[in-house]
């Protein structure tokens, strides 16, 4: 199963996986408007992969089959203040 991966020039660390190169026919117009002009990043064979960097391989495959695209968003930012407070609370006990 081949997938073509595009990155967003408007949204950092945001990637769009589609089934065929330059075929965005199954991607909602609102998503494309938010995503901006897609920039080709790579073409990957999902059949030969055992894992992907940040995306769940099974979810990517399922989304490509069922909806024709998969949107990979960046991980949420770390809340270092919350982590510090939790660590301080644990140290007080």
Protein backbone atom coordinates (compact mmCIF):
# COMPACT_ATOMS: atom_id res chain seq x y z
CA UNK A 1 0.00 0.00 0.00
CA UNK A 2 1.64 3.21 -1.17
CA UNK A 3 0.99 6.54 0.49
CA UNK A 4 2.05 10.02 -0.51
CA UNK A 5 2.91 12.37 2.33
CA UNK A 6 2.61 16.15 2.14
CA UNK A 7 3.59 18.70 4.74
CA UNK A 8 1.70 21.87 5.50
CA UNK A 9 3.45 25.16 4.92
CA UNK A 10 0.90 26.87 7.20
CA UNK A 11 0.90 24.47 10.16
CA UNK A 12 4.21 23.28 11.59
CA UNK A 13 4.69 19.51 11.96
CA UNK A 14 1.38 18.78 10.20
CA UNK A 15 1.31 16.11 7.50
CA UNK A 16 -1.34 14.81 5.13
CA UNK A 17 -1.19 11.22 3.86
CA UNK A 18 -3.13 10.43 0.67
CA UNK A 19 -3.37 7.39 -1.58
CA UNK A 20 -2.16 8.92 -4.84
CA UNK A 21 0.15 11.79 -5.72
CA UNK A 22 -1.69 15.12 -6.09
CA UNK A 23 -5.10 13.45 -5.59
CA UNK A 24 -6.91 15.41 -2.89
CA UNK A 25 -10.40 14.53 -4.16
CA UNK A 26 -11.34 12.71 -0.92
CA UNK A 27 -9.89 15.39 1.39
CA UNK A 28 -12.53 17.85 2.68
CA UNK A 29 -12.23 21.37 1.24
CA UNK A 30 -12.22 22.91 4.73
CA UNK A 31 -9.25 20.75 5.72
CA UNK A 32 -7.33 21.71 2.58
CA UNK A 33 -8.04 25.39 3.21
CA UNK A 34 -6.65 25.13 6.75
CA UNK A 35 -3.74 22.92 5.67
CA UNK A 36 -2.65 25.32 2.95
CA UNK A 37 -0.72 24.41 -0.19
CA UNK A 38 0.55 20.85 0.30
CA UNK A 39 4.27 20.32 -0.25
CA UNK A 40 5.31 16.82 -1.33
CA UNK A 41 7.52 15.28 1.32
CA UNK A 42 7.78 11.58 0.47
CA UNK A 43 6.18 8.50 -0.99
CA UNK A 44 6.23 5.51 1.33
CA UNK A 45 5.19 1.90 1.04
CA UNK A 46 3.12 1.22 4.14
CA UNK A 47 3.14 -2.52 3.41
CA UNK A 48 6.85 -2.71 4.18
CA UNK A 49 6.75 -0.54 7.31
CA UNK A 50 6.44 -1.87 10.85
CA UNK A 51 6.03 1.59 12.41
CA UNK A 52 5.99 5.28 11.56
CA UNK A 53 7.70 8.12 13.39
CA UNK A 54 4.76 9.75 15.13
CA UNK A 55 1.67 8.17 13.58
CA UNK A 56 0.08 4.83 14.39
CA UNK A 57 0.61 2.68 11.29
CA UNK A 58 -2.67 0.78 11.72
CA UNK A 59 -4.63 4.05 12.04
CA UNK A 60 -2.96 5.48 8.94
CA UNK A 61 -3.81 2.39 6.88
CA UNK A 62 -7.40 2.32 8.17
CA UNK A 63 -7.93 6.03 7.47
CA UNK A 64 -6.52 5.76 3.95
CA UNK A 65 -8.86 2.87 3.16
CA UNK A 66 -11.98 4.31 4.80
CA UNK A 67 -11.69 8.04 4.09
CA UNK A 68 -8.86 8.38 1.57
CA UNK A 69 -6.55 10.49 3.73
CA UNK A 70 -4.89 10.67 7.13
CA UNK A 71 -4.01 13.92 8.91
CA UNK A 72 -1.02 13.80 11.27
CA UNK A 73 -1.02 16.65 13.76
CA UNK A 74 1.96 17.66 15.88
CA UNK A 75 2.17 16.28 19.41
CA UNK A 76 0.76 18.57 22.09
CA UNK A 77 3.34 20.83 23.73
CA UNK A 78 4.77 19.65 27.02
CA UNK A 79 3.36 21.41 30.06
CA UNK A 80 6.60 21.74 31.99
CA UNK A 81 5.02 23.87 34.73
CA UNK A 82 2.48 21.13 35.45
CA UNK A 83 5.25 18.51 35.52
CA UNK A 84 7.29 20.63 37.94
CA UNK A 85 4.31 21.10 40.28
CA UNK A 86 3.56 17.37 40.23
CA UNK A 87 7.19 16.61 41.02
CA UNK A 88 7.25 19.14 43.87
CA UNK A 89 4.03 17.69 45.29
CA UNK A 90 5.48 14.17 45.14
CA UNK A 91 8.67 15.34 46.88
CA UNK A 92 6.66 16.86 49.75
CA UNK A 93 5.07 13.52 50.57
